[in-house]
């Protein structure tokens, strides 16, 4: 079992003076600085997965300075250019982000960002919804409280590593009664009666106890961490780590905050590089890696 002293070298900052950082200098490290500058010194095709939640527009002003929605795409694109360079051809980039309301309507900076990322060379492969199960009740004059966020999937190529078997979910109690007595129609492919063109063969589910999940992730928000203003639950990056990487792969979180992705990486026996501009977040990550991975 790792001790505090074992982990400390992983969390040490380093001085970047050489043209490129050696792999061992960034493996299982938390670096304090702008990810744009640090990744410029990182060799291409290094990471198997990038999963991150950057500061949203006009958010976290005390720690990140706040980025106006109109300037968000301009700010993000130089950084995503480096993400594209350091991600392996078979890798995946997961971006957790959410629009905000400006002057009574949703700002379109996320939509604009998706379009510009495609121009930059990214493939917008999929979109997952993180449903926040424990949001507090509330309403505004013209809307209700947000209870979901986007998790956008981008890739460099159409063929990428994906391990779908690792995220299967229990089929559910409905199968016990539905599959107990099958009729003749259940044993052959039947076209939908509503004219949708879809069909199903119910007997395909006999003997199975797990199925593939949907693209909606039902996860509670992080409530116990008071040292960071926007912590996502460990289960969120952990789910994507299981889906898109295997043991020993290399994970990058360029807006690492309090180290949630590092905790998820260690739990799944993956390597990581965490980057953030806030020194205090690194200190919080040190504590979490000790307390949450033993």
C-alpha atoms as a PDB file:
ATOM      1  CA  UNK A   1       0.000   0.000   0.000  1.00  0.00           C
ATOM      2  CA  UNK A   2       1.295   3.445  -0.921  1.00  0.00           C
ATOM      3  CA  UNK A   3       2.196   5.878   1.821  1.00  0.00           C
ATOM      4  CA  UNK A   4       2.155   9.666   1.882  1.00  0.00           C
ATOM      5  CA  UNK A   5       5.856   9.762   1.028  1.00  0.00           C
ATOM      6  CA  UNK A   6       5.278   7.440  -1.928  1.00  0.00           C
ATOM      7  CA  UNK A   7       2.764   9.856  -3.431  1.00  0.00           C
ATOM      8  CA  UNK A   8       4.571  13.117  -2.796  1.00  0.00           C
ATOM      9  CA  UNK A   9       6.909  12.842  -5.838  1.00  0.00           C
ATOM     10  CA  UNK A  10       3.825  12.499  -8.038  1.00  0.00           C
ATOM     11  CA  UNK A  11       2.506  15.814  -6.830  1.00  0.00           C
ATOM     12  CA  UNK A  12       5.720  17.816  -7.055  1.00  0.00           C
ATOM     13  CA  UNK A  13       5.947  20.809  -9.384  1.00  0.00           C
ATOM     14  CA  UNK A  14       8.749  20.835 -11.970  1.00  0.00           C
ATOM     15  CA  UNK A  15      10.671  23.540 -13.779  1.00  0.00           C
ATOM     16  CA  UNK A  16      10.340  23.244 -17.553  1.00  0.00           C
ATOM     17  CA  UNK A  17      13.572  24.296 -19.231  1.00  0.00           C
ATOM     18  CA  UNK A  18      14.183  21.628 -21.886  1.00  0.00           C
ATOM     19  CA  UNK A  19      12.448  21.751 -25.310  1.00  0.00           C
ATOM     20  CA  UNK A  20      10.222  18.839 -24.288  1.00  0.00           C
ATOM     21  CA  UNK A  21       9.375  17.274 -20.959  1.00  0.00           C
ATOM     22  CA  UNK A  22      10.402  13.647 -20.550  1.00  0.00           C
ATOM     23  CA  UNK A  23       7.565  11.218 -19.916  1.00  0.00           C
ATOM     24  CA  UNK A  24       8.757  10.316 -16.430  1.00  0.00           C
ATOM     25  CA  UNK A  25       8.715  13.999 -15.464  1.00  0.00           C
ATOM     26  CA  UNK A  26       4.966  14.313 -16.053  1.00  0.00           C
ATOM     27  CA  UNK A  27       3.727  10.844 -15.135  1.00  0.00           C
ATOM     28  CA  UNK A  28       1.554  10.978 -12.014  1.00  0.00           C
ATOM     29  CA  UNK A  29       2.314  14.641 -11.397  1.00  0.00           C
ATOM     30  CA  UNK A  30       0.245  17.712 -10.529  1.00  0.00           C
ATOM     31  CA  UNK A  31       1.786  20.754 -12.245  1.00  0.00           C
ATOM     32  CA  UNK A  32       0.852  24.300 -11.302  1.00  0.00           C
ATOM     33  CA  UNK A  33       0.646  26.582 -14.330  1.00  0.00           C
ATOM     34  CA  UNK A  34      -1.281  27.355 -17.511  1.00  0.00           C
ATOM     35  CA  UNK A  35      -2.010  24.145 -19.410  1.00  0.00           C
ATOM     36  CA  UNK A  36      -1.358  26.005 -22.658  1.00  0.00           C
ATOM     37  CA  UNK A  37       2.291  26.621 -21.788  1.00  0.00           C
ATOM     38  CA  UNK A  38       2.910  23.280 -20.112  1.00  0.00           C
ATOM     39  CA  UNK A  39       1.418  21.234 -22.958  1.00  0.00           C
ATOM     40  CA  UNK A  40       3.519  23.101 -25.512  1.00  0.00           C
ATOM     41  CA  UNK A  41       6.479  21.356 -23.855  1.00  0.00           C
ATOM     42  CA  UNK A  42       4.767  17.958 -23.901  1.00  0.00           C
ATOM     43  CA  UNK A  43       5.492  15.509 -26.717  1.00  0.00           C
ATOM     44  CA  UNK A  44       2.767  14.762 -29.253  1.00  0.00           C
ATOM     45  CA  UNK A  45       0.599  11.631 -28.985  1.00  0.00           C
ATOM     46  CA  UNK A  46       1.204  11.253 -25.245  1.00  0.00           C
ATOM     47  CA  UNK A  47      -2.229  10.764 -23.674  1.00  0.00           C
ATOM     48  CA  UNK A  48      -4.879   8.075 -24.101  1.00  0.00           C
ATOM     49  CA  UNK A  49      -7.687  10.192 -22.647  1.00  0.00           C
ATOM     50  CA  UNK A  50      -8.281  13.846 -21.844  1.00  0.00           C
ATOM     51  CA  UNK A  51     -11.188  14.392 -19.475  1.00  0.00           C
ATOM     52  CA  UNK A  52     -11.777  17.801 -17.968  1.00  0.00           C
ATOM     53  CA  UNK A  53     -14.215  20.434 -16.798  1.00  0.00           C
ATOM     54  CA  UNK A  54     -12.767  23.865 -17.605  1.00  0.00           C
ATOM     55  CA  UNK A  55     -13.932  27.055 -15.926  1.00  0.00           C
ATOM     56  CA  UNK A  56     -17.269  27.959 -17.468  1.00  0.00           C
ATOM     57  CA  UNK A  57     -17.828  31.439 -18.875  1.00  0.00           C
ATOM     58  CA  UNK A  58     -17.881  34.176 -16.193  1.00  0.00           C
ATOM     59  CA  UNK A  59     -17.371  31.515 -13.503  1.00  0.00           C
ATOM     60  CA  UNK A  60     -14.735  31.099 -10.788  1.00  0.00           C
ATOM     61  CA  UNK A  61     -13.613  34.732 -11.054  1.00  0.00           C
ATOM     62  CA  UNK A  62     -11.717  34.584  -7.768  1.00  0.00           C
ATOM     63  CA  UNK A  63      -9.540  31.671  -8.919  1.00  0.00           C
ATOM     64  CA  UNK A  64      -9.501  31.812 -12.735  1.00  0.00           C
ATOM     65  CA  UNK A  65     -10.329  35.471 -13.381  1.00  0.00           C
ATOM     66  CA  UNK A  66     -13.549  34.722 -15.247  1.00  0.00           C
ATOM     67  CA  UNK A  67     -13.840  34.499 -19.040  1.00  0.00           C
ATOM     68  CA  UNK A  68     -16.591  36.481 -20.740  1.00  0.00           C
ATOM     69  CA  UNK A  69     -18.902  34.303 -22.863  1.00  0.00           C
ATOM     70  CA  UNK A  70     -18.112  36.381 -25.957  1.00  0.00           C
ATOM     71  CA  UNK A  71     -14.380  35.665 -25.461  1.00  0.00           C
ATOM     72  CA  UNK A  72     -14.648  32.032 -24.375  1.00  0.00           C
ATOM     73  CA  UNK A  73     -14.038  30.364 -27.738  1.00  0.00           C
ATOM     74  CA  UNK A  74     -11.063  32.633 -28.414  1.00  0.00           C
ATOM     75  CA  UNK A  75      -9.603  31.690 -25.024  1.00  0.00           C
ATOM     76  CA  UNK A  76     -10.242  27.947 -25.383  1.00  0.00           C
ATOM     77  CA  UNK A  77      -9.041  27.231 -28.931  1.00  0.00           C
ATOM     78  CA  UNK A  78      -5.265  27.682 -28.358  1.00  0.00           C
ATOM     79  CA  UNK A  79      -5.545  25.178 -25.497  1.00  0.00           C
ATOM     80  CA  UNK A  80      -7.622  22.673 -27.456  1.00  0.00           C
ATOM     81  CA  UNK A  81      -5.042  22.906 -30.247  1.00  0.00           C
ATOM     82  CA  UNK A  82      -2.493  21.535 -27.788  1.00  0.00           C
ATOM     83  CA  UNK A  83      -4.971  18.908 -26.589  1.00  0.00           C
ATOM     84  CA  UNK A  84      -5.279  17.728 -30.180  1.00  0.00           C
ATOM     85  CA  UNK A  85      -1.510  17.490 -30.541  1.00  0.00           C
ATOM     86  CA  UNK A  86      -0.789  15.598 -27.301  1.00  0.00           C
ATOM     87  CA  UNK A  87      -3.713  13.154 -27.586  1.00  0.00           C
ATOM     88  CA  UNK A  88      -2.919   9.794 -29.177  1.00  0.00           C
ATOM     89  CA  UNK A  89      -4.617   9.018 -32.525  1.00  0.00           C
ATOM     90  CA  UNK A  90      -6.703   6.356 -30.737  1.00  0.00           C
ATOM     91  CA  UNK A  91      -7.528   8.630 -27.807  1.00  0.00           C
ATOM     92  CA  UNK A  92     -10.647  10.510 -26.708  1.00  0.00           C
ATOM     93  CA  UNK A  93     -11.302  14.012 -25.362  1.00  0.00           C
ATOM     94  CA  UNK A  94     -14.240  14.432 -22.947  1.00  0.00           C
ATOM     95  CA  UNK A  95     -15.305  18.027 -22.289  1.00  0.00           C
ATOM     96  CA  UNK A  96     -17.725  18.655 -19.400  1.00  0.00           C
ATOM     97  CA  UNK A  97     -19.261  22.071 -19.990  1.00  0.00           C
ATOM     98  CA  UNK A  98     -22.568  23.960 -19.742  1.00  0.00           C
ATOM     99  CA  UNK A  99     -24.083  27.081 -21.298  1.00  0.00           C
ATOM    100  CA  UNK A 100     -25.025  29.999 -19.074  1.00  0.00           C
ATOM    101  CA  UNK A 101     -27.838  32.526 -19.122  1.00  0.00           C
ATOM    102  CA  UNK A 102     -26.922  36.050 -20.287  1.00  0.00           C
ATOM    103  CA  UNK A 103     -29.532  38.811 -20.442  1.00  0.00           C
ATOM    104  CA  UNK A 104     -32.407  36.363 -20.050  1.00  0.00           C
ATOM    105  CA  UNK A 105     -31.377  33.804 -22.688  1.00  0.00           C
ATOM    106  CA  UNK A 106     -28.894  30.987 -23.117  1.00  0.00           C
ATOM    107  CA  UNK A 107     -25.568  32.140 -24.521  1.00  0.00           C
ATOM    108  CA  UNK A 108     -24.365  30.062 -27.478  1.00  0.00           C
ATOM    109  CA  UNK A 109     -20.662  29.959 -26.626  1.00  0.00           C
ATOM    110  CA  UNK A 110     -20.748  26.160 -26.184  1.00  0.00           C
ATOM    111  CA  UNK A 111     -22.384  25.707 -29.581  1.00  0.00           C
ATOM    112  CA  UNK A 112     -19.854  28.081 -31.132  1.00  0.00           C
ATOM    113  CA  UNK A 113     -17.048  26.161 -29.442  1.00  0.00           C
ATOM    114  CA  UNK A 114     -18.253  22.834 -30.863  1.00  0.00           C
ATOM    115  CA  UNK A 115     -18.279  24.310 -34.377  1.00  0.00           C
ATOM    116  CA  UNK A 116     -14.793  25.768 -33.974  1.00  0.00           C
ATOM    117  CA  UNK A 117     -13.401  22.543 -32.527  1.00  0.00           C
ATOM    118  CA  UNK A 118     -14.615  20.723 -35.626  1.00  0.00           C
ATOM    119  CA  UNK A 119     -12.812  23.288 -37.777  1.00  0.00           C
ATOM    120  CA  UNK A 120      -9.709  22.705 -35.662  1.00  0.00           C
ATOM    121  CA  UNK A 121      -9.718  19.040 -36.650  1.00  0.00           C
ATOM    122  CA  UNK A 122     -11.734  17.356 -33.924  1.00  0.00           C
ATOM    123  CA  UNK A 123     -14.502  14.862 -34.661  1.00  0.00           C
ATOM    124  CA  UNK A 124     -17.579  15.466 -32.490  1.00  0.00           C
ATOM    125  CA  UNK A 125     -18.318  11.789 -31.964  1.00  0.00           C
ATOM    126  CA  UNK A 126     -20.910  11.733 -29.194  1.00  0.00           C
ATOM    127  CA  UNK A 127     -22.588  13.767 -26.478  1.00  0.00           C
ATOM    128  CA  UNK A 128     -23.319  12.383 -23.019  1.00  0.00           C
ATOM    129  CA  UNK A 129     -25.665  13.990 -20.517  1.00  0.00           C
ATOM    130  CA  UNK A 130     -24.688  14.105 -16.876  1.00  0.00           C
ATOM    131  CA  UNK A 131     -27.968  14.149 -14.954  1.00  0.00           C
ATOM    132  CA  UNK A 132     -27.338  15.618 -11.495  1.00  0.00           C
ATOM    133  CA  UNK A 133     -29.544  13.524  -9.254  1.00  0.00           C
ATOM    134  CA  UNK A 134     -29.313  15.720  -6.153  1.00  0.00           C
ATOM    135  CA  UNK A 135     -29.806  19.291  -7.360  1.00  0.00           C
ATOM    136  CA  UNK A 136     -31.796  21.497  -4.996  1.00  0.00           C
ATOM    137  CA  UNK A 137     -35.319  22.579  -5.974  1.00  0.00           C
ATOM    138  CA  UNK A 138     -35.696  26.029  -7.458  1.00  0.00           C
ATOM    139  CA  UNK A 139     -37.090  28.188 -10.256  1.00  0.00           C
ATOM    140  CA  UNK A 140     -36.610  31.536 -11.948  1.00  0.00           C
ATOM    141  CA  UNK A 141     -39.231  33.737 -13.679  1.00  0.00           C
ATOM    142  CA  UNK A 142     -38.631  32.103 -17.057  1.00  0.00           C
ATOM    143  CA  UNK A 143     -36.865  28.792 -16.337  1.00  0.00           C
ATOM    144  CA  UNK A 144     -36.253  26.013 -13.820  1.00  0.00           C
ATOM    145  CA  UNK A 145     -33.053  24.969 -12.093  1.00  0.00           C
ATOM    146  CA  UNK A 146     -30.387  23.227 -14.188  1.00  0.00           C
ATOM    147  CA  UNK A 147     -30.042  19.531 -13.361  1.00  0.00           C
ATOM    148  CA  UNK A 148     -27.817  18.365 -16.222  1.00  0.00           C
ATOM    149  CA  UNK A 149     -24.550  19.191 -17.975  1.00  0.00           C
ATOM    150  CA  UNK A 150     -22.994  18.257 -21.284  1.00  0.00           C
ATOM    151  CA  UNK A 151     -20.123  15.785 -21.567  1.00  0.00           C
ATOM    152  CA  UNK A 152     -18.969  16.217 -25.160  1.00  0.00           C
ATOM    153  CA  UNK A 153     -16.873  13.506 -26.786  1.00  0.00           C
ATOM    154  CA  UNK A 154     -14.280  14.471 -29.388  1.00  0.00           C
ATOM    155  CA  UNK A 155     -11.814  12.258 -31.254  1.00  0.00           C
ATOM    156  CA  UNK A 156      -8.959  12.657 -33.718  1.00  0.00           C
ATOM    157  CA  UNK A 157     -10.049   9.671 -35.809  1.00  0.00           C
ATOM    158  CA  UNK A 158     -13.175   7.610 -36.399  1.00  0.00           C
ATOM    159  CA  UNK A 159     -11.417   4.544 -34.998  1.00  0.00           C
ATOM    160  CA  UNK A 160     -10.537   5.003 -31.332  1.00  0.00           C
ATOM    161  CA  UNK A 161     -10.122   2.820 -28.260  1.00  0.00           C
ATOM    162  CA  UNK A 162     -13.414   2.024 -26.541  1.00  0.00           C
ATOM    163  CA  UNK A 163     -14.074  -0.742 -24.018  1.00  0.00           C
ATOM    164  CA  UNK A 164     -17.858  -0.929 -23.857  1.00  0.00           C
ATOM    165  CA  UNK A 165     -17.954  -4.126 -21.813  1.00  0.00           C
ATOM    166  CA  UNK A 166     -16.410  -2.260 -18.874  1.00  0.00           C
ATOM    167  CA  UNK A 167     -19.443  -0.021 -18.331  1.00  0.00           C
ATOM    168  CA  UNK A 168     -22.314  -2.477 -18.674  1.00  0.00           C
ATOM    169  CA  UNK A 169     -25.151  -2.022 -16.183  1.00  0.00           C
ATOM    170  CA  UNK A 170     -27.567  -4.497 -14.549  1.00  0.00           C
ATOM    171  CA  UNK A 171     -30.533  -5.256 -16.780  1.00  0.00           C
ATOM    172  CA  UNK A 172     -33.101  -4.536 -14.071  1.00  0.00           C
ATOM    173  CA  UNK A 173     -36.044  -6.346 -12.487  1.00  0.00           C
ATOM    174  CA  UNK A 174     -38.265  -5.764 -15.522  1.00  0.00           C
ATOM    175  CA  UNK A 175     -36.514  -8.643 -17.297  1.00  0.00           C
ATOM    176  CA  UNK A 176     -37.627 -11.241 -14.749  1.00  0.00           C
ATOM    177  CA  UNK A 177     -41.302 -10.929 -15.630  1.00  0.00           C
ATOM    178  CA  UNK A 178     -40.934  -9.875 -19.289  1.00  0.00           C
ATOM    179  CA  UNK A 179     -38.664 -12.769 -20.255  1.00  0.00           C
ATOM    180  CA  UNK A 180     -40.407 -15.416 -18.170  1.00  0.00           C
ATOM    181  CA  UNK A 181     -43.018 -16.257 -20.801  1.00  0.00           C
ATOM    182  CA  UNK A 182     -42.100 -15.413 -24.393  1.00  0.00           C
ATOM    183  CA  UNK A 183     -44.663 -15.569 -27.209  1.00  0.00           C
ATOM    184  CA  UNK A 184     -43.940 -16.340 -30.859  1.00  0.00           C
ATOM    185  CA  UNK A 185     -43.436 -12.681 -31.770  1.00  0.00           C
ATOM    186  CA  UNK A 186     -40.775 -12.340 -29.073  1.00  0.00           C
ATOM    187  CA  UNK A 187     -38.681 -15.002 -30.801  1.00  0.00           C
ATOM    188  CA  UNK A 188     -38.373 -13.180 -34.115  1.00  0.00           C
ATOM    189  CA  UNK A 189     -37.562  -9.638 -35.146  1.00  0.00           C
ATOM    190  CA  UNK A 190     -40.773  -7.605 -35.091  1.00  0.00           C
ATOM    191  CA  UNK A 191     -40.990  -4.183 -36.731  1.00  0.00           C
ATOM    192  CA  UNK A 192     -42.374  -1.465 -34.499  1.00  0.00           C
ATOM    193  CA  UNK A 193     -46.143  -1.025 -34.759  1.00  0.00           C
ATOM    194  CA  UNK A 194     -45.859   2.776 -34.691  1.00  0.00           C
ATOM    195  CA  UNK A 195     -44.147   2.900 -38.086  1.00  0.00           C
ATOM    196  CA  UNK A 196     -40.759   4.072 -36.829  1.00  0.00           C
ATOM    197  CA  UNK A 197     -38.877   1.443 -38.828  1.00  0.00           C
ATOM    198  CA  UNK A 198     -37.184   0.064 -35.705  1.00  0.00           C
ATOM    199  CA  UNK A 199     -37.535  -3.540 -34.631  1.00  0.00           C
ATOM    200  CA  UNK A 200     -36.602  -5.865 -31.780  1.00  0.00           C
ATOM    201  CA  UNK A 201     -36.301  -9.516 -30.841  1.00  0.00           C
ATOM    202  CA  UNK A 202     -37.044  -9.855 -27.126  1.00  0.00           C
ATOM    203  CA  UNK A 203     -35.582 -13.365 -26.874  1.00  0.00           C
ATOM    204  CA  UNK A 204     -32.109 -11.864 -27.440  1.00  0.00           C
ATOM    205  CA  UNK A 205     -32.136 -10.789 -23.761  1.00  0.00           C
ATOM    206  CA  UNK A 206     -32.708 -14.278 -22.312  1.00  0.00           C
ATOM    207  CA  UNK A 207     -29.833 -15.329 -20.045  1.00  0.00           C
ATOM    208  CA  UNK A 208     -28.294 -11.875 -19.846  1.00  0.00           C
ATOM    209  CA  UNK A 209     -27.950  -9.970 -16.590  1.00  0.00           C
ATOM    210  CA  UNK A 210     -26.166  -6.862 -17.904  1.00  0.00           C
ATOM    211  CA  UNK A 211     -26.740  -4.515 -20.830  1.00  0.00           C
ATOM    212  CA  UNK A 212     -24.996  -1.536 -22.388  1.00  0.00           C
ATOM    213  CA  UNK A 213     -25.876   1.802 -20.788  1.00  0.00           C
ATOM    214  CA  UNK A 214     -27.459   4.817 -22.438  1.00  0.00           C
ATOM    215  CA  UNK A 215     -25.661   8.114 -22.984  1.00  0.00           C
ATOM    216  CA  UNK A 216     -27.317   9.615 -19.884  1.00  0.00           C
ATOM    217  CA  UNK A 217     -25.237   9.310 -16.690  1.00  0.00           C
ATOM    218  CA  UNK A 218     -27.270   9.610 -13.482  1.00  0.00           C
ATOM    219  CA  UNK A 219     -24.740  10.808 -10.897  1.00  0.00           C
ATOM    220  CA  UNK A 220     -25.020  12.989  -7.803  1.00  0.00           C
ATOM    221  CA  UNK A 221     -22.942  16.156  -7.564  1.00  0.00           C
ATOM    222  CA  UNK A 222     -19.972  16.335  -5.193  1.00  0.00           C
ATOM    223  CA  UNK A 223     -21.104  17.705  -1.837  1.00  0.00           C
ATOM    224  CA  UNK A 224     -18.239  17.033   0.585  1.00  0.00           C
ATOM    225  CA  UNK A 225     -15.477  19.090  -1.052  1.00  0.00           C
ATOM    226  CA  UNK A 226     -15.570  22.685   0.159  1.00  0.00           C
ATOM    227  CA  UNK A 227     -12.140  23.743  -1.156  1.00  0.00           C
ATOM    228  CA  UNK A 228     -13.153  24.017  -4.811  1.00  0.00           C
ATOM    229  CA  UNK A 229     -16.075  25.921  -6.290  1.00  0.00           C
ATOM    230  CA  UNK A 230     -17.102  23.391  -8.949  1.00  0.00           C
ATOM    231  CA  UNK A 231     -16.234  19.788  -8.145  1.00  0.00           C
ATOM    232  CA  UNK A 232     -17.637  17.014 -10.290  1.00  0.00           C
ATOM    233  CA  UNK A 233     -18.120  13.563  -8.711  1.00  0.00           C
ATOM    234  CA  UNK A 234     -15.295  11.013  -8.945  1.00  0.00           C
ATOM    235  CA  UNK A 235     -17.728   8.633 -10.655  1.00  0.00           C
ATOM    236  CA  UNK A 236     -17.944  10.954 -13.676  1.00  0.00           C
ATOM    237  CA  UNK A 237     -14.304  10.833 -14.877  1.00  0.00           C
ATOM    238  CA  UNK A 238     -14.049   7.258 -13.594  1.00  0.00           C
ATOM    239  CA  UNK A 239     -16.851   6.148 -15.937  1.00  0.00           C
ATOM    240  CA  UNK A 240     -15.085   7.642 -18.962  1.00  0.00           C
ATOM    241  CA  UNK A 241     -11.729   6.250 -17.824  1.00  0.00           C
ATOM    242  CA  UNK A 242     -13.208   2.742 -17.765  1.00  0.00           C
ATOM    243  CA  UNK A 243     -14.897   3.234 -21.142  1.00  0.00           C
ATOM    244  CA  UNK A 244     -11.964   4.684 -23.096  1.00  0.00           C
ATOM    245  CA  UNK A 245      -8.780   3.368 -21.426  1.00  0.00           C
ATOM    246  CA  UNK A 246      -7.212   0.239 -20.038  1.00  0.00           C
ATOM    247  CA  UNK A 247      -4.950  -0.338 -17.043  1.00  0.00           C
ATOM    248  CA  UNK A 248      -1.675   1.576 -17.322  1.00  0.00           C
ATOM    249  CA  UNK A 249      -2.961   4.169 -19.819  1.00  0.00           C
ATOM    250  CA  UNK A 250      -2.227   7.883 -19.430  1.00  0.00           C
ATOM    251  CA  UNK A 251      -4.959  10.393 -18.469  1.00  0.00           C
ATOM    252  CA  UNK A 252      -4.734  14.192 -18.748  1.00  0.00           C
ATOM    253  CA  UNK A 253      -6.870  16.750 -16.919  1.00  0.00           C
ATOM    254  CA  UNK A 254      -5.656  20.231 -17.946  1.00  0.00           C
ATOM    255  CA  UNK A 255      -8.067  22.005 -15.536  1.00  0.00           C
ATOM    256  CA  UNK A 256      -7.541  19.614 -12.656  1.00  0.00           C
ATOM    257  CA  UNK A 257      -8.947  21.587  -9.741  1.00  0.00           C
ATOM    258  CA  UNK A 258      -8.907  19.526  -6.566  1.00  0.00           C
ATOM    259  CA  UNK A 259      -7.697  16.388  -8.343  1.00  0.00           C
ATOM    260  CA  UNK A 260     -10.919  14.453  -8.926  1.00  0.00           C
ATOM    261  CA  UNK A 261      -9.600  12.948 -12.171  1.00  0.00           C
ATOM    262  CA  UNK A 262      -6.371  11.927 -10.430  1.00  0.00           C
ATOM    263  CA  UNK A 263      -8.361  10.098  -7.757  1.00  0.00           C
ATOM    264  CA  UNK A 264     -10.394   8.307 -10.440  1.00  0.00           C
ATOM    265  CA  UNK A 265      -7.228   7.427 -12.369  1.00  0.00           C
ATOM    266  CA  UNK A 266      -5.507   5.865  -9.372  1.00  0.00           C
ATOM    267  CA  UNK A 267      -8.630   3.892  -8.490  1.00  0.00           C
ATOM    268  CA  UNK A 268      -8.573   2.384 -11.987  1.00  0.00           C
ATOM    269  CA  UNK A 269      -4.777   1.863 -12.023  1.00  0.00           C
ATOM    270  CA  UNK A 270      -4.130   4.469 -14.710  1.00  0.00           C
ATOM    271  CA  UNK A 271      -1.380   7.090 -14.864  1.00  0.00           C
ATOM    272  CA  UNK A 272      -2.242  10.780 -14.892  1.00  0.00           C
ATOM    273  CA  UNK A 273      -1.052  14.335 -15.431  1.00  0.00           C
ATOM    274  CA  UNK A 274      -2.985  17.061 -13.621  1.00  0.00           C
ATOM    275  CA  UNK A 275      -2.529  20.762 -14.467  1.00  0.00           C
ATOM    276  CA  UNK A 276      -4.086  23.824 -12.865  1.00  0.00           C
ATOM    277  CA  UNK A 277      -3.112  27.455 -12.352  1.00  0.00           C
ATOM    278  CA  UNK A 278      -4.246  27.552  -8.704  1.00  0.00           C
ATOM    279  CA  UNK A 279      -1.634  26.459  -6.155  1.00  0.00           C
ATOM    280  CA  UNK A 280      -4.232  25.791  -3.438  1.00  0.00           C
ATOM    281  CA  UNK A 281      -6.029  23.237  -5.617  1.00  0.00           C
ATOM    282  CA  UNK A 282      -2.854  21.184  -5.786  1.00  0.00           C
ATOM    283  CA  UNK A 283      -2.708  21.146  -1.990  1.00  0.00           C
ATOM    284  CA  UNK A 284      -6.285  19.905  -1.852  1.00  0.00           C
ATOM    285  CA  UNK A 285      -5.424  17.197  -4.394  1.00  0.00           C
ATOM    286  CA  UNK A 286      -2.575  15.990  -2.161  1.00  0.00           C
ATOM    287  CA  UNK A 287      -5.020  15.445   0.667  1.00  0.00           C
ATOM    288  CA  UNK A 288      -7.586  13.722  -1.537  1.00  0.00           C
ATOM    289  CA  UNK A 289      -5.092  11.289  -3.048  1.00  0.00           C
ATOM    290  CA  UNK A 290      -4.153  10.187   0.447  1.00  0.00           C
ATOM    291  CA  UNK A 291      -7.671  10.010   1.875  1.00  0.00           C
ATOM    292  CA  UNK A 292      -9.647   8.678  -1.096  1.00  0.00           C
ATOM    293  CA  UNK A 293      -7.362   6.098  -2.721  1.00  0.00           C
ATOM    294  CA  UNK A 294      -6.297   3.985   0.280  1.00  0.00           C
END
